[in-house]
């Protein structure tokens, strides 16, 4: 039994399943926003923006700083920003073949968010894979934490895809594609055992920079455009507080 658990194939599959479970649960939760009014959707978008901002602020960037230094973290953020800006231009609303400009806006945000999550999943997978040989019990605990960590990310992607009127098959495909990098990372972690702290630092900040761009460019403005009342701002703040508590719980 232990030989099966410690095999490279199982390690890679465990990474894929871990990533898939977290984001799929989050996407499933996003279905509760279906058929709701503009005030609810605006508040939910604001909440997601605040939640993701807290995760970047209190989780991704501090971990990047601990693995490297402030210069590596800043460099990673700038690189992530540069890629997000490039993709933003390549995925212009008019180039996304979805019903209207409003839907296209959130389809683009979902794609950018999914790319950021996929990049972030690589070092997470490496950490998971490297633990499987050292301590399967600790690896299991980390897998549970990664599933929980993936839920708000899946919720954000799911909400964007629901707003863009995406099909269920698209939701499933996004879940799978964002999970594959964690499987690849797990396999690499199983083979090499560790990864350079410099690479980890830059990759975490890189993902953080991409997600920050999405928050500032699409999520928060989208919340205000959807509902211009106070509830969208209240959603921002309550989401930020929830994200702060969420990160505190994981650590």
Protein backbone atom coordinates (compact mmCIF):
# COMPACT_ATOMS: atom_id res chain seq x y z
CA UNK A 1 0.00 0.00 0.00
CA UNK A 2 2.80 2.42 0.93
CA UNK A 3 4.59 1.68 -2.36
CA UNK A 4 1.46 2.68 -4.26
CA UNK A 5 1.08 5.93 -2.29
CA UNK A 6 4.74 6.85 -2.78
CA UNK A 7 4.76 6.09 -6.53
CA UNK A 8 5.30 9.02 -8.92
CA UNK A 9 2.01 8.30 -10.73
CA UNK A 10 0.00 8.47 -7.51
CA UNK A 11 1.82 11.63 -6.46
CA UNK A 12 0.95 13.36 -9.74
CA UNK A 13 -2.67 12.21 -9.58
CA UNK A 14 -2.98 13.37 -5.98
CA UNK A 15 -1.87 16.85 -7.03
CA UNK A 16 -4.45 16.97 -9.83
CA UNK A 17 -7.23 15.70 -7.55
CA UNK A 18 -6.28 18.17 -4.81
CA UNK A 19 -6.36 21.13 -7.18
CA UNK A 20 -9.53 19.90 -8.87
CA UNK A 21 -11.38 19.37 -5.58
CA UNK A 22 -10.74 22.88 -4.28
CA UNK A 23 -11.63 24.82 -7.41
CA UNK A 24 -14.61 22.56 -8.21
CA UNK A 25 -16.14 23.10 -4.76
CA UNK A 26 -15.71 26.85 -5.21
CA UNK A 27 -17.29 26.78 -8.67
CA UNK A 28 -20.18 24.69 -7.33
CA UNK A 29 -20.79 27.26 -4.57
CA UNK A 30 -20.91 30.00 -7.23
CA UNK A 31 -24.09 28.39 -8.62
CA UNK A 32 -25.99 29.80 -5.64
CA UNK A 33 -25.72 33.21 -7.32
CA UNK A 34 -27.88 32.01 -10.22
CA UNK A 35 -31.06 33.96 -10.88
CA UNK A 36 -30.21 36.58 -8.24
CA UNK A 37 -30.75 40.32 -8.63
CA UNK A 38 -28.17 42.93 -9.56
CA UNK A 39 -27.70 44.05 -5.96
CA UNK A 40 -26.84 40.52 -4.84
CA UNK A 41 -24.49 39.95 -7.79
CA UNK A 42 -22.78 43.31 -7.26
CA UNK A 43 -22.30 42.53 -3.58
CA UNK A 44 -21.00 39.04 -4.40
CA UNK A 45 -18.50 40.42 -6.90
CA UNK A 46 -17.36 42.99 -4.35
CA UNK A 47 -17.00 40.23 -1.77
CA UNK A 48 -14.90 38.12 -4.16
CA UNK A 49 -12.69 41.12 -4.94
CA UNK A 50 -12.06 41.77 -1.26
CA UNK A 51 -11.53 38.07 -0.56
CA UNK A 52 -8.93 37.63 -3.30
CA UNK A 53 -7.21 40.87 -2.31
CA UNK A 54 -6.81 39.54 1.24
CA UNK A 55 -5.45 36.19 0.00
CA UNK A 56 -2.85 37.96 -2.13
CA UNK A 57 -2.00 40.43 0.67
CA UNK A 58 -1.82 38.00 3.58
CA UNK A 59 -0.89 34.72 1.87
CA UNK A 60 0.82 34.83 -1.53
CA UNK A 61 2.99 37.91 -1.08
CA UNK A 62 4.13 37.21 2.53
CA UNK A 63 5.07 33.66 1.51
CA UNK A 64 6.95 35.04 -1.49
CA UNK A 65 8.82 37.46 0.77
CA UNK A 66 9.71 34.69 3.24
CA UNK A 67 11.05 32.45 0.47
CA UNK A 68 13.10 35.23 -1.09
CA UNK A 69 13.28 38.95 -0.40
CA UNK A 70 11.44 42.16 -1.17
CA UNK A 71 13.23 42.60 -4.49
CA UNK A 72 12.29 39.12 -5.75
CA UNK A 73 8.71 39.69 -4.63
CA UNK A 74 8.56 43.07 -6.39
CA UNK A 75 10.10 41.57 -9.53
CA UNK A 76 7.56 38.73 -9.52
CA UNK A 77 4.64 41.15 -9.13
CA UNK A 78 5.89 43.26 -12.04
CA UNK A 79 6.36 40.19 -14.25
CA UNK A 80 2.86 38.98 -13.37
CA UNK A 81 1.49 42.44 -14.09
CA UNK A 82 3.27 42.53 -17.46
CA UNK A 83 1.78 39.18 -18.51
CA UNK A 84 -1.68 40.22 -17.30
CA UNK A 85 -1.51 43.46 -19.31
CA UNK A 86 -0.36 41.55 -22.40
CA UNK A 87 -3.15 38.99 -22.07
CA UNK A 88 -5.64 41.76 -21.34
CA UNK A 89 -4.87 43.22 -24.74
CA UNK A 90 -4.90 39.82 -26.47
CA UNK A 91 -8.20 38.91 -24.80
CA UNK A 92 -9.92 42.21 -25.55
CA UNK A 93 -13.67 42.15 -25.04
CA UNK A 94 -14.28 42.33 -28.80
CA UNK A 95 -12.12 39.24 -29.36
CA UNK A 96 -14.15 37.00 -27.01
CA UNK A 97 -17.10 35.49 -28.83
CA UNK A 98 -19.70 35.79 -26.08
CA UNK A 99 -23.11 37.46 -26.27
CA UNK A 100 -22.26 41.02 -25.19
CA UNK A 101 -19.57 43.28 -23.81
CA UNK A 102 -20.69 42.70 -20.22
CA UNK A 103 -20.35 38.92 -20.60
CA UNK A 104 -17.03 39.26 -22.43
CA UNK A 105 -15.61 41.32 -19.60
CA UNK A 106 -16.15 38.53 -17.08
CA UNK A 107 -15.07 35.81 -19.49
CA UNK A 108 -11.74 37.58 -19.82
CA UNK A 109 -11.46 37.96 -16.04
CA UNK A 110 -12.14 34.22 -15.63
CA UNK A 111 -9.41 33.31 -18.12
CA UNK A 112 -6.85 35.60 -16.48
CA UNK A 113 -7.79 34.37 -13.01
CA UNK A 114 -7.49 30.74 -14.12
CA UNK A 115 -4.00 31.37 -15.53
CA UNK A 116 -2.94 33.02 -12.28
CA UNK A 117 -4.32 30.11 -10.24
CA UNK A 118 -2.56 27.59 -12.48
CA UNK A 119 0.79 29.33 -12.00
CA UNK A 120 0.23 29.51 -8.25
CA UNK A 121 -0.61 25.79 -8.18
CA UNK A 122 2.84 24.76 -9.45
CA UNK A 123 4.84 25.58 -6.27
CA UNK A 124 1.92 24.31 -4.15
CA UNK A 125 2.11 21.01 -6.01
CA UNK A 126 5.89 20.83 -5.56
CA UNK A 127 5.47 21.28 -1.81
CA UNK A 128 2.85 18.52 -1.78
CA UNK A 129 4.94 16.13 -3.86
CA UNK A 130 8.08 16.63 -1.79
CA UNK A 131 6.14 15.73 1.37
CA UNK A 132 4.86 12.41 0.07
CA UNK A 133 8.21 10.71 0.53
CA UNK A 134 9.09 12.44 3.81
CA UNK A 135 5.71 12.09 5.55
CA UNK A 136 2.49 10.90 3.85
CA UNK A 137 0.49 12.10 6.87
CA UNK A 138 1.85 15.63 6.55
CA UNK A 139 1.24 15.44 2.80
CA UNK A 140 -2.41 14.59 3.50
CA UNK A 141 -2.74 17.54 5.88
CA UNK A 142 -1.24 19.85 3.26
CA UNK A 143 -3.61 18.45 0.62
CA UNK A 144 -6.61 19.28 2.84
CA UNK A 145 -5.26 22.81 3.35
CA UNK A 146 -4.76 23.22 -0.43
CA UNK A 147 -8.33 22.07 -1.11
CA UNK A 148 -9.66 24.65 1.36
CA UNK A 149 -7.33 27.26 -0.16
CA UNK A 150 -8.69 26.54 -3.63
CA UNK A 151 -12.34 27.08 -2.70
CA UNK A 152 -12.35 30.92 -2.77
CA UNK A 153 -10.30 30.86 -5.98
CA UNK A 154 -12.84 28.51 -7.55
CA UNK A 155 -15.65 30.71 -6.24
CA UNK A 156 -14.11 33.71 -8.00
CA UNK A 157 -13.64 31.86 -11.31
CA UNK A 158 -17.10 30.32 -11.06
CA UNK A 159 -18.76 33.67 -10.46
CA UNK A 160 -16.95 35.22 -13.42
CA UNK A 161 -17.96 32.31 -15.66
CA UNK A 162 -21.57 32.47 -14.49
CA UNK A 163 -21.67 36.19 -15.29
CA UNK A 164 -20.29 35.41 -18.76
CA UNK A 165 -23.04 32.80 -19.31
CA UNK A 166 -20.49 30.00 -19.70
CA UNK A 167 -21.66 26.42 -20.21
CA UNK A 168 -21.21 23.64 -17.64
CA UNK A 169 -18.64 21.98 -19.91
CA UNK A 170 -16.57 25.16 -19.78
CA UNK A 171 -16.70 25.15 -15.98
CA UNK A 172 -15.44 21.57 -15.92
CA UNK A 173 -12.68 22.28 -18.44
CA UNK A 174 -11.44 25.30 -16.45
CA UNK A 175 -11.40 23.21 -13.26
CA UNK A 176 -9.32 20.52 -14.93
CA UNK A 177 -6.89 22.90 -16.66
CA UNK A 178 -6.14 24.81 -13.45
CA UNK A 179 -5.57 21.50 -11.63
CA UNK A 180 -3.03 20.06 -14.09
CA UNK A 181 -0.20 22.44 -13.00
CA UNK A 182 -0.58 21.21 -9.41
CA UNK A 183 -0.26 17.63 -10.65
CA UNK A 184 2.85 18.58 -12.62
CA UNK A 185 4.26 20.36 -9.58
CA UNK A 186 3.54 17.33 -7.37
CA UNK A 187 5.38 15.07 -9.79
CA UNK A 188 8.37 17.44 -9.90
CA UNK A 189 8.37 17.69 -6.11
CA UNK A 190 8.35 13.88 -5.87
CA UNK A 191 11.32 13.64 -8.26
CA UNK A 192 13.55 16.49 -7.11
CA UNK A 193 12.35 16.69 -3.49
CA UNK A 194 12.63 20.46 -3.28
CA UNK A 195 12.78 23.62 -5.36
CA UNK A 196 14.87 26.74 -5.23
CA UNK A 197 13.40 29.30 -2.79
CA UNK A 198 14.12 31.95 -5.42
CA UNK A 199 11.90 30.21 -7.97
CA UNK A 200 9.16 29.74 -5.37
CA UNK A 201 9.36 33.40 -4.33
CA UNK A 202 9.10 34.74 -7.87
CA UNK A 203 6.33 32.32 -8.92
CA UNK A 204 4.15 33.19 -5.92
CA UNK A 205 4.61 36.92 -6.49
CA UNK A 206 4.03 36.38 -10.23
CA UNK A 207 0.64 34.80 -9.55
CA UNK A 208 -0.08 37.55 -7.01
CA UNK A 209 0.66 40.26 -9.57
CA UNK A 210 -1.70 38.70 -12.10
CA UNK A 211 -4.51 38.35 -9.56
CA UNK A 212 -4.00 41.93 -8.32
CA UNK A 213 -4.42 43.18 -11.87
CA UNK A 214 -7.65 41.20 -12.28
CA UNK A 215 -8.99 42.59 -8.99
CA UNK A 216 -8.20 46.21 -9.85
CA UNK A 217 -9.06 46.01 -13.55
CA UNK A 218 -12.15 43.78 -13.59
CA UNK A 219 -13.51 42.58 -10.24
CA UNK A 220 -13.91 45.77 -8.22
CA UNK A 221 -15.01 47.94 -11.19
CA UNK A 222 -17.37 45.13 -12.22
CA UNK A 223 -18.94 45.09 -8.77
CA UNK A 224 -19.55 48.85 -8.93
CA UNK A 225 -20.94 48.67 -12.47
CA UNK A 226 -23.28 45.83 -11.50
CA UNK A 227 -24.64 47.63 -8.44
CA UNK A 228 -23.76 51.28 -7.76
CA UNK A 229 -25.21 51.28 -4.26
CA UNK A 230 -23.33 50.90 -1.00
CA UNK A 231 -23.64 47.10 -0.91
CA UNK A 232 -20.84 46.59 -3.45
CA UNK A 233 -18.43 48.54 -1.23
CA UNK A 234 -19.68 46.67 1.84
CA UNK A 235 -19.04 43.43 -0.06
CA UNK A 236 -15.44 44.58 -0.75
CA UNK A 237 -14.70 45.16 2.91
CA UNK A 238 -16.47 42.09 4.29
CA UNK A 239 -14.72 39.96 1.66
CA UNK A 240 -11.36 41.39 2.70
CA UNK A 241 -12.07 40.62 6.37
CA UNK A 242 -13.27 37.09 5.47
CA UNK A 243 -10.11 36.52 3.44
CA UNK A 244 -7.93 37.72 6.30
CA UNK A 245 -9.66 35.31 8.70
CA UNK A 246 -9.47 32.53 6.13
CA UNK A 247 -5.69 32.87 5.72
CA UNK A 248 -5.29 33.08 9.50
CA UNK A 249 -7.22 29.82 9.87
CA UNK A 250 -4.99 28.03 7.33
CA UNK A 251 -1.82 29.15 9.07
